[in-house]
Amino acid sequence: MNEPNRTVDFGFETVDWAEKARRVRSVFESVAGKYDLMNDLMSFGVHRLWKQFTLAVAGLRAGQSVLDVAGGTGDLAKGLARQVGPGGRVVLSDINPAMLERGRDRLLDAGIAGNIECVVADAEALPFEDDSFDCVTIGFGLRNVTDKAAALASMHRVLKPGGQILVLEFSKPTVPGLGAIYDMYSFNVLPRLGALVAHDAASYRYLAESIRMHPDQETLLEMLRTAGFAHARYHNLSGGIVALHRGFKI
């Protein structure tokens, strides 16, 4: 919902509440074509391990239903579809049609399409009925949402009782000295890499800034609890550079 006279962070900038979604959409329209290549280059391929860990924690059974919010190019959706099998249901959603189209094409190329549907959807107001899914995932998307509390509440609403949420997101390094190294890499290497490969330094500068503005592990944990999730906890990955938060609807 657009809220007049409210502001929100867009990286290190402060913008009008209604402006952030448009600007985030522009960023991802710009980088969609090189998104997967850049993920591999930026993380040295480690993002694949973070996602594999998320899938292992999900531990879905054949026939279950899952919603991947802000699922972009479909990395998590692909693994989730294999877990639930042809009798299950996977909905890949994203607010950005360009990213969703890229995800759909990658899933088709991988031969995984029969049990996946792609839906343009706003995380803050998911267009699904209450108690629809056994699991909701969001990987590296929550920090781009304008109203994170609304998005978490919306994800809680569409979960079935007993269902789980998995939030994979960049977080705050916990290993002494890692934060300084990570900052140097993020603010010097990433924009240059974005300029060289994606021809868009500004978008990757925003992505680095958005990581710094995202709530830390304990703050996000409390946000999950406030949204109604029980038994919430998190796992630090790669020294806290990334964290996987998990909670359940009871």
C-alpha atoms as a PDB file:
ATOM      1  CA  MET A   1       0.000   0.000   0.000  1.00  0.00           C
ATOM      2  CA  ASN A   2       1.318   3.440  -0.935  1.00  0.00           C
ATOM      3  CA  GLU A   3       1.603   5.633   2.132  1.00  0.00           C
ATOM      4  CA  PRO A   4       1.969   9.409   1.635  1.00  0.00           C
ATOM      5  CA  ASN A   5       4.529  11.336   3.645  1.00  0.00           C
ATOM      6  CA  ARG A   6       6.439   8.183   4.552  1.00  0.00           C
ATOM      7  CA  THR A   7       9.995   7.490   3.491  1.00  0.00           C
ATOM      8  CA  VAL A   8      12.059   4.330   3.202  1.00  0.00           C
ATOM      9  CA  ASP A   9      15.627   3.390   2.368  1.00  0.00           C
ATOM     10  CA  PHE A  10      16.699   2.660  -1.180  1.00  0.00           C
ATOM     11  CA  GLY A  11      20.244   1.602  -0.499  1.00  0.00           C
ATOM     12  CA  PHE A  12      21.808   4.558   1.301  1.00  0.00           C
ATOM     13  CA  GLU A  13      19.251   6.965  -0.156  1.00  0.00           C
ATOM     14  CA  THR A  14      16.001   7.941   1.519  1.00  0.00           C
ATOM     15  CA  VAL A  15      13.108   7.939  -0.946  1.00  0.00           C
ATOM     16  CA  ASP A  16       9.349   8.337  -0.854  1.00  0.00           C
ATOM     17  CA  TRP A  17       7.550   5.201   0.339  1.00  0.00           C
ATOM     18  CA  ALA A  18       5.772   4.777  -3.006  1.00  0.00           C
ATOM     19  CA  GLU A  19       8.979   5.298  -4.992  1.00  0.00           C
ATOM     20  CA  LYS A  20      11.035   2.353  -3.764  1.00  0.00           C
ATOM     21  CA  ALA A  21       9.127  -0.416  -5.555  1.00  0.00           C
ATOM     22  CA  ARG A  22       9.468   1.392  -8.886  1.00  0.00           C
ATOM     23  CA  ARG A  23      13.183   1.905  -8.418  1.00  0.00           C
ATOM     24  CA  VAL A  24      13.777  -1.701  -7.319  1.00  0.00           C
ATOM     25  CA  ARG A  25      11.842  -2.876 -10.366  1.00  0.00           C
ATOM     26  CA  SER A  26      14.096  -0.745 -12.581  1.00  0.00           C
ATOM     27  CA  VAL A  27      17.223  -2.265 -11.002  1.00  0.00           C
ATOM     28  CA  PHE A  28      16.125  -5.818 -11.697  1.00  0.00           C
ATOM     29  CA  GLU A  29      14.880  -5.057 -15.187  1.00  0.00           C
ATOM     30  CA  SER A  30      18.377  -3.768 -15.880  1.00  0.00           C
ATOM     31  CA  VAL A  31      20.260  -6.761 -14.456  1.00  0.00           C
ATOM     32  CA  ALA A  32      17.895  -9.638 -15.346  1.00  0.00           C
ATOM     33  CA  GLY A  33      19.885 -10.805 -18.361  1.00  0.00           C
ATOM     34  CA  LYS A  34      23.158 -11.071 -16.434  1.00  0.00           C
ATOM     35  CA  TYR A  35      21.709 -11.877 -13.010  1.00  0.00           C
ATOM     36  CA  ASP A  36      22.754 -15.517 -12.816  1.00  0.00           C
ATOM     37  CA  LEU A  37      26.228 -14.926 -14.224  1.00  0.00           C
ATOM     38  CA  MET A  38      26.760 -12.067 -11.793  1.00  0.00           C
ATOM     39  CA  ASN A  39      25.612 -14.212  -8.862  1.00  0.00           C
ATOM     40  CA  ASP A  40      28.274 -16.768  -9.717  1.00  0.00           C
ATOM     41  CA  LEU A  41      30.961 -14.129 -10.145  1.00  0.00           C
ATOM     42  CA  MET A  42      30.061 -12.083  -7.059  1.00  0.00           C
ATOM     43  CA  SER A  43      29.872 -15.048  -4.678  1.00  0.00           C
ATOM     44  CA  PHE A  44      32.497 -17.227  -6.406  1.00  0.00           C
ATOM     45  CA  GLY A  45      29.687 -19.750  -6.814  1.00  0.00           C
ATOM     46  CA  VAL A  46      29.021 -20.023  -3.073  1.00  0.00           C
ATOM     47  CA  HIS A  47      25.404 -18.834  -3.531  1.00  0.00           C
ATOM     48  CA  ARG A  48      24.690 -22.326  -4.853  1.00  0.00           C
ATOM     49  CA  LEU A  49      25.776 -23.831  -1.525  1.00  0.00           C
ATOM     50  CA  TRP A  50      23.594 -21.374   0.409  1.00  0.00           C
ATOM     51  CA  LYS A  51      20.605 -22.417  -1.691  1.00  0.00           C
ATOM     52  CA  GLN A  52      21.430 -26.116  -1.350  1.00  0.00           C
ATOM     53  CA  PHE A  53      21.462 -25.680   2.422  1.00  0.00           C
ATOM     54  CA  THR A  54      18.072 -23.958   2.260  1.00  0.00           C
ATOM     55  CA  LEU A  55      16.644 -26.831   0.227  1.00  0.00           C
ATOM     56  CA  ALA A  56      18.071 -29.367   2.666  1.00  0.00           C
ATOM     57  CA  VAL A  57      16.465 -27.542   5.589  1.00  0.00           C
ATOM     58  CA  ALA A  58      13.134 -27.344   3.722  1.00  0.00           C
ATOM     59  CA  GLY A  59      12.996 -31.149   3.489  1.00  0.00           C
ATOM     60  CA  LEU A  60       9.700 -31.138   1.597  1.00  0.00           C
ATOM     61  CA  ARG A  61       7.754 -34.302   0.863  1.00  0.00           C
ATOM     62  CA  ALA A  62       6.269 -35.465  -2.424  1.00  0.00           C
ATOM     63  CA  GLY A  63       2.893 -33.904  -3.090  1.00  0.00           C
ATOM     64  CA  GLN A  64       3.375 -30.806  -0.940  1.00  0.00           C
ATOM     65  CA  SER A  65       2.815 -27.228  -2.113  1.00  0.00           C
ATOM     66  CA  VAL A  66       5.357 -24.419  -1.926  1.00  0.00           C
ATOM     67  CA  LEU A  67       5.503 -20.729  -2.827  1.00  0.00           C
ATOM     68  CA  ASP A  68       8.827 -19.145  -3.761  1.00  0.00           C
ATOM     69  CA  VAL A  69       8.419 -15.392  -3.234  1.00  0.00           C
ATOM     70  CA  ALA A  70      10.671 -12.994  -5.158  1.00  0.00           C
ATOM     71  CA  GLY A  71      11.981 -16.164  -6.758  1.00  0.00           C
ATOM     72  CA  GLY A  72      13.588 -14.383  -9.681  1.00  0.00           C
ATOM     73  CA  THR A  73      15.399 -16.745 -11.997  1.00  0.00           C
ATOM     74  CA  GLY A  74      14.183 -19.894 -10.290  1.00  0.00           C
ATOM     75  CA  ASP A  75      17.174 -21.428  -8.479  1.00  0.00           C
ATOM     76  CA  LEU A  76      15.190 -22.351  -5.372  1.00  0.00           C
ATOM     77  CA  ALA A  77      12.049 -23.213  -7.348  1.00  0.00           C
ATOM     78  CA  LYS A  78      13.972 -25.769  -9.368  1.00  0.00           C
ATOM     79  CA  GLY A  79      15.139 -27.611  -6.268  1.00  0.00           C
ATOM     80  CA  LEU A  80      11.755 -27.296  -4.576  1.00  0.00           C
ATOM     81  CA  ALA A  81      10.027 -28.798  -7.621  1.00  0.00           C
ATOM     82  CA  ARG A  82      12.278 -31.824  -7.440  1.00  0.00           C
ATOM     83  CA  GLN A  83      11.430 -32.298  -3.766  1.00  0.00           C
ATOM     84  CA  VAL A  84       7.644 -32.149  -4.131  1.00  0.00           C
ATOM     85  CA  GLY A  85       7.658 -34.188  -7.334  1.00  0.00           C
ATOM     86  CA  PRO A  86       5.129 -34.190 -10.189  1.00  0.00           C
ATOM     87  CA  GLY A  87       2.231 -34.506  -7.747  1.00  0.00           C
ATOM     88  CA  GLY A  88       3.267 -31.402  -5.850  1.00  0.00           C
ATOM     89  CA  ARG A  89       2.820 -27.729  -6.592  1.00  0.00           C
ATOM     90  CA  VAL A  90       5.416 -24.976  -6.863  1.00  0.00           C
ATOM     91  CA  VAL A  91       4.496 -21.357  -7.477  1.00  0.00           C
ATOM     92  CA  LEU A  92       7.367 -19.145  -8.586  1.00  0.00           C
ATOM     93  CA  SER A  93       6.415 -15.530  -7.928  1.00  0.00           C
ATOM     94  CA  ASP A  94       8.164 -12.224  -8.468  1.00  0.00           C
ATOM     95  CA  ILE A  95       7.018  -8.630  -8.733  1.00  0.00           C
ATOM     96  CA  ASN A  96       9.313  -8.123 -11.726  1.00  0.00           C
ATOM     97  CA  PRO A  97       8.072  -9.655 -15.008  1.00  0.00           C
ATOM     98  CA  ALA A  98      11.553  -9.566 -16.562  1.00  0.00           C
ATOM     99  CA  MET A  99      13.024 -11.663 -13.751  1.00  0.00           C
ATOM    100  CA  LEU A 100      10.049 -14.026 -13.789  1.00  0.00           C
ATOM    101  CA  GLU A 101      10.365 -14.537 -17.533  1.00  0.00           C
ATOM    102  CA  ARG A 102      14.031 -15.346 -17.071  1.00  0.00           C
ATOM    103  CA  GLY A 103      13.137 -17.865 -14.358  1.00  0.00           C
ATOM    104  CA  ARG A 104      10.467 -19.526 -16.467  1.00  0.00           C
ATOM    105  CA  ASP A 105      12.862 -19.914 -19.399  1.00  0.00           C
ATOM    106  CA  ARG A 106      15.575 -21.425 -17.182  1.00  0.00           C
ATOM    107  CA  LEU A 107      13.127 -23.928 -15.701  1.00  0.00           C
ATOM    108  CA  LEU A 108      11.924 -24.911 -19.172  1.00  0.00           C
ATOM    109  CA  ASP A 109      15.530 -25.362 -20.301  1.00  0.00           C
ATOM    110  CA  ALA A 110      16.120 -27.609 -17.266  1.00  0.00           C
ATOM    111  CA  GLY A 111      13.100 -29.719 -18.169  1.00  0.00           C
ATOM    112  CA  ILE A 112      11.239 -28.652 -15.019  1.00  0.00           C
ATOM    113  CA  ALA A 113       7.907 -27.077 -15.771  1.00  0.00           C
ATOM    114  CA  GLY A 114       5.082 -29.537 -15.242  1.00  0.00           C
ATOM    115  CA  ASN A 115       4.411 -28.715 -11.601  1.00  0.00           C
ATOM    116  CA  ILE A 116       5.510 -25.067 -11.615  1.00  0.00           C
ATOM    117  CA  GLU A 117       3.385 -22.016 -12.258  1.00  0.00           C
ATOM    118  CA  CYS A 118       4.779 -18.498 -12.578  1.00  0.00           C
ATOM    119  CA  VAL A 119       2.835 -15.606 -11.069  1.00  0.00           C
ATOM    120  CA  VAL A 120       3.621 -11.888 -11.010  1.00  0.00           C
ATOM    121  CA  ALA A 121       2.978 -11.040  -7.367  1.00  0.00           C
ATOM    122  CA  ASP A 122       3.770  -8.391  -4.777  1.00  0.00           C
ATOM    123  CA  ALA A 123       5.234  -9.961  -1.634  1.00  0.00           C
ATOM    124  CA  GLU A 124       3.339  -7.451   0.495  1.00  0.00           C
ATOM    125  CA  ALA A 125      -0.069  -8.567  -0.844  1.00  0.00           C
ATOM    126  CA  LEU A 126       0.230 -12.120  -2.127  1.00  0.00           C
ATOM    127  CA  PRO A 127      -2.727 -13.042  -4.401  1.00  0.00           C
ATOM    128  CA  PHE A 128      -3.338 -16.459  -2.841  1.00  0.00           C
ATOM    129  CA  GLU A 129      -5.951 -17.821  -0.467  1.00  0.00           C
ATOM    130  CA  ASP A 130      -5.302 -18.284   3.227  1.00  0.00           C
ATOM    131  CA  ASP A 131      -3.685 -21.587   4.266  1.00  0.00           C
ATOM    132  CA  SER A 132      -2.586 -22.502   0.724  1.00  0.00           C
ATOM    133  CA  PHE A 133       1.038 -23.666   1.049  1.00  0.00           C
ATOM    134  CA  ASP A 134       3.100 -26.079   3.119  1.00  0.00           C
ATOM    135  CA  CYS A 135       6.182 -23.904   2.699  1.00  0.00           C
ATOM    136  CA  VAL A 136       7.036 -20.347   1.661  1.00  0.00           C
ATOM    137  CA  THR A 137      10.579 -19.426   0.650  1.00  0.00           C
ATOM    138  CA  ILE A 138      12.152 -16.084  -0.171  1.00  0.00           C
ATOM    139  CA  GLY A 139      15.787 -16.015  -1.237  1.00  0.00           C
ATOM    140  CA  PHE A 140      17.678 -12.713  -1.406  1.00  0.00           C
ATOM    141  CA  GLY A 141      14.453 -10.799  -1.936  1.00  0.00           C
ATOM    142  CA  LEU A 142      13.232  -9.541   1.408  1.00  0.00           C
ATOM    143  CA  ARG A 143      15.735  -6.689   1.609  1.00  0.00           C
ATOM    144  CA  ASN A 144      14.235  -5.212  -1.582  1.00  0.00           C
ATOM    145  CA  VAL A 145      10.690  -5.163  -0.194  1.00  0.00           C
ATOM    146  CA  THR A 146       9.390  -1.770   0.906  1.00  0.00           C
ATOM    147  CA  ASP A 147       7.222  -2.995   3.795  1.00  0.00           C
ATOM    148  CA  LYS A 148       8.966  -6.069   5.160  1.00  0.00           C
ATOM    149  CA  ALA A 149       6.508  -6.498   8.020  1.00  0.00           C
ATOM    150  CA  ALA A 150       3.589  -6.553   5.574  1.00  0.00           C
ATOM    151  CA  ALA A 151       5.388  -9.103   3.408  1.00  0.00           C
ATOM    152  CA  LEU A 152       6.070 -11.411   6.356  1.00  0.00           C
ATOM    153  CA  ALA A 153       2.436 -11.114   7.459  1.00  0.00           C
ATOM    154  CA  SER A 154       1.282 -11.935   3.933  1.00  0.00           C
ATOM    155  CA  MET A 155       3.530 -14.991   3.798  1.00  0.00           C
ATOM    156  CA  HIS A 156       2.229 -16.112   7.196  1.00  0.00           C
ATOM    157  CA  ARG A 157      -1.364 -15.781   5.946  1.00  0.00           C
ATOM    158  CA  VAL A 158      -0.917 -18.042   2.907  1.00  0.00           C
ATOM    159  CA  LEU A 159       0.860 -20.777   4.887  1.00  0.00           C
ATOM    160  CA  LYS A 160      -1.091 -23.775   6.101  1.00  0.00           C
ATOM    161  CA  PRO A 161      -1.024 -24.409   9.865  1.00  0.00           C
ATOM    162  CA  GLY A 162       2.183 -26.326  10.505  1.00  0.00           C
ATOM    163  CA  GLY A 163       3.787 -24.831   7.418  1.00  0.00           C
ATOM    164  CA  GLN A 164       7.220 -23.218   7.417  1.00  0.00           C
ATOM    165  CA  ILE A 165       8.841 -20.063   6.115  1.00  0.00           C
ATOM    166  CA  LEU A 166      12.478 -19.973   4.976  1.00  0.00           C
ATOM    167  CA  VAL A 167      14.118 -16.568   4.522  1.00  0.00           C
ATOM    168  CA  LEU A 168      17.571 -16.720   2.919  1.00  0.00           C
ATOM    169  CA  GLU A 169      19.173 -13.299   2.938  1.00  0.00           C
ATOM    170  CA  PHE A 170      22.411 -11.406   3.289  1.00  0.00           C
ATOM    171  CA  SER A 171      23.036 -10.465   6.897  1.00  0.00           C
ATOM    172  CA  LYS A 172      25.725  -9.136   9.227  1.00  0.00           C
ATOM    173  CA  PRO A 173      29.140 -10.865   9.428  1.00  0.00           C
ATOM    174  CA  THR A 174      29.854 -12.350  12.827  1.00  0.00           C
ATOM    175  CA  VAL A 175      33.495 -13.360  12.377  1.00  0.00           C
ATOM    176  CA  PRO A 176      35.925 -10.716  13.730  1.00  0.00           C
ATOM    177  CA  GLY A 177      37.485  -8.699  10.911  1.00  0.00           C
ATOM    178  CA  LEU A 178      35.231 -10.156   8.214  1.00  0.00           C
ATOM    179  CA  GLY A 179      32.978  -7.107   8.096  1.00  0.00           C
ATOM    180  CA  ALA A 180      35.757  -4.761   6.988  1.00  0.00           C
ATOM    181  CA  ILE A 181      36.906  -7.136   4.262  1.00  0.00           C
ATOM    182  CA  TYR A 182      33.326  -7.651   3.124  1.00  0.00           C
ATOM    183  CA  ASP A 183      32.709  -3.887   2.956  1.00  0.00           C
ATOM    184  CA  MET A 184      35.837  -3.338   0.893  1.00  0.00           C
ATOM    185  CA  TYR A 185      34.772  -6.052  -1.538  1.00  0.00           C
ATOM    186  CA  SER A 186      31.141  -4.911  -1.715  1.00  0.00           C
ATOM    187  CA  PHE A 187      31.766  -1.228  -2.329  1.00  0.00           C
ATOM    188  CA  ASN A 188      34.846  -1.471  -4.526  1.00  0.00           C
ATOM    189  CA  VAL A 189      34.710  -4.746  -6.435  1.00  0.00           C
ATOM    190  CA  LEU A 190      30.969  -5.287  -6.947  1.00  0.00           C
ATOM    191  CA  PRO A 191      30.191  -1.999  -8.760  1.00  0.00           C
ATOM    192  CA  ARG A 192      33.226  -2.466 -10.998  1.00  0.00           C
ATOM    193  CA  LEU A 193      32.206  -6.038 -11.732  1.00  0.00           C
ATOM    194  CA  GLY A 194      28.681  -4.819 -12.474  1.00  0.00           C
ATOM    195  CA  ALA A 195      30.020  -2.209 -14.865  1.00  0.00           C
ATOM    196  CA  LEU A 196      32.251  -4.713 -16.643  1.00  0.00           C
ATOM    197  CA  VAL A 197      29.820  -7.629 -16.963  1.00  0.00           C
ATOM    198  CA  ALA A 198      26.326  -6.162 -16.692  1.00  0.00           C
ATOM    199  CA  HIS A 199      27.204  -2.635 -17.885  1.00  0.00           C
ATOM    200  CA  ASP A 200      25.443  -1.291 -14.812  1.00  0.00           C
ATOM    201  CA  ALA A 201      27.589  -0.186 -11.888  1.00  0.00           C
ATOM    202  CA  ALA A 202      24.761   1.770 -10.225  1.00  0.00           C
ATOM    203  CA  SER A 203      22.483  -1.243  -9.785  1.00  0.00           C
ATOM    204  CA  TYR A 204      25.217  -3.263  -8.123  1.00  0.00           C
ATOM    205  CA  ARG A 205      26.123  -0.332  -5.919  1.00  0.00           C
ATOM    206  CA  TYR A 206      22.481  -0.301  -4.795  1.00  0.00           C
ATOM    207  CA  LEU A 207      22.571  -4.053  -4.150  1.00  0.00           C
ATOM    208  CA  ALA A 208      25.627  -3.634  -1.926  1.00  0.00           C
ATOM    209  CA  GLU A 209      23.992  -0.744  -0.067  1.00  0.00           C
ATOM    210  CA  SER A 210      20.710  -2.648   0.353  1.00  0.00           C
ATOM    211  CA  ILE A 211      22.587  -5.439   2.127  1.00  0.00           C
ATOM    212  CA  ARG A 212      23.950  -2.961   4.672  1.00  0.00           C
ATOM    213  CA  MET A 213      20.492  -1.511   5.284  1.00  0.00           C
ATOM    214  CA  HIS A 214      18.818  -4.885   5.816  1.00  0.00           C
ATOM    215  CA  PRO A 215      17.963  -5.882   9.414  1.00  0.00           C
ATOM    216  CA  ASP A 216      20.581  -7.988  11.171  1.00  0.00           C
ATOM    217  CA  GLN A 217      19.972 -11.561  12.301  1.00  0.00           C
ATOM    218  CA  GLU A 218      18.358 -10.802  15.646  1.00  0.00           C
ATOM    219  CA  THR A 219      16.209  -7.969  14.306  1.00  0.00           C
ATOM    220  CA  LEU A 220      14.841 -10.131  11.495  1.00  0.00           C
ATOM    221  CA  LEU A 221      14.249 -12.953  13.974  1.00  0.00           C
ATOM    222  CA  GLU A 222      12.074 -10.636  16.045  1.00  0.00           C
ATOM    223  CA  MET A 223      10.231  -9.523  12.908  1.00  0.00           C
ATOM    224  CA  LEU A 224       9.326 -13.142  12.173  1.00  0.00           C
ATOM    225  CA  ARG A 225       8.033 -13.595  15.690  1.00  0.00           C
ATOM    226  CA  THR A 226       5.991 -10.396  15.445  1.00  0.00           C
ATOM    227  CA  ALA A 227       4.467 -11.680  12.190  1.00  0.00           C
ATOM    228  CA  GLY A 228       3.236 -14.740  14.089  1.00  0.00           C
ATOM    229  CA  PHE A 229       5.884 -17.319  13.307  1.00  0.00           C
ATOM    230  CA  ALA A 230       6.627 -19.799  16.081  1.00  0.00           C
ATOM    231  CA  HIS A 231       9.842 -21.685  16.856  1.00  0.00           C
ATOM    232  CA  ALA A 232      11.764 -19.074  14.838  1.00  0.00           C
ATOM    233  CA  ARG A 233      15.516 -19.401  14.619  1.00  0.00           C
ATOM    234  CA  TYR A 234      18.354 -18.755  12.180  1.00  0.00           C
ATOM    235  CA  HIS A 235      21.512 -20.360  10.842  1.00  0.00           C
ATOM    236  CA  ASN A 236      24.541 -18.208  10.001  1.00  0.00           C
ATOM    237  CA  LEU A 237      26.273 -19.157   6.770  1.00  0.00           C
ATOM    238  CA  SER A 238      29.723 -18.066   5.594  1.00  0.00           C
ATOM    239  CA  GLY A 239      30.473 -16.283   8.865  1.00  0.00           C
ATOM    240  CA  GLY A 240      27.157 -14.449   8.928  1.00  0.00           C
ATOM    241  CA  ILE A 241      27.479 -12.944   5.452  1.00  0.00           C
ATOM    242  CA  VAL A 242      24.237 -14.820   4.813  1.00  0.00           C
ATOM    243  CA  ALA A 243      21.648 -16.135   7.270  1.00  0.00           C
ATOM    244  CA  LEU A 244      18.760 -18.553   6.839  1.00  0.00           C
ATOM    245  CA  HIS A 245      15.792 -17.739   9.066  1.00  0.00           C
ATOM    246  CA  ARG A 246      13.103 -20.348   9.669  1.00  0.00           C
ATOM    247  CA  GLY A 247       9.747 -20.226  11.415  1.00  0.00           C
ATOM    248  CA  PHE A 248       6.439 -22.104  11.537  1.00  0.00           C
ATOM    249  CA  LYS A 249       2.762 -21.215  11.444  1.00  0.00           C
ATOM    250  CA  ILE A 250       0.887 -22.870  14.285  1.00  0.00           C
END
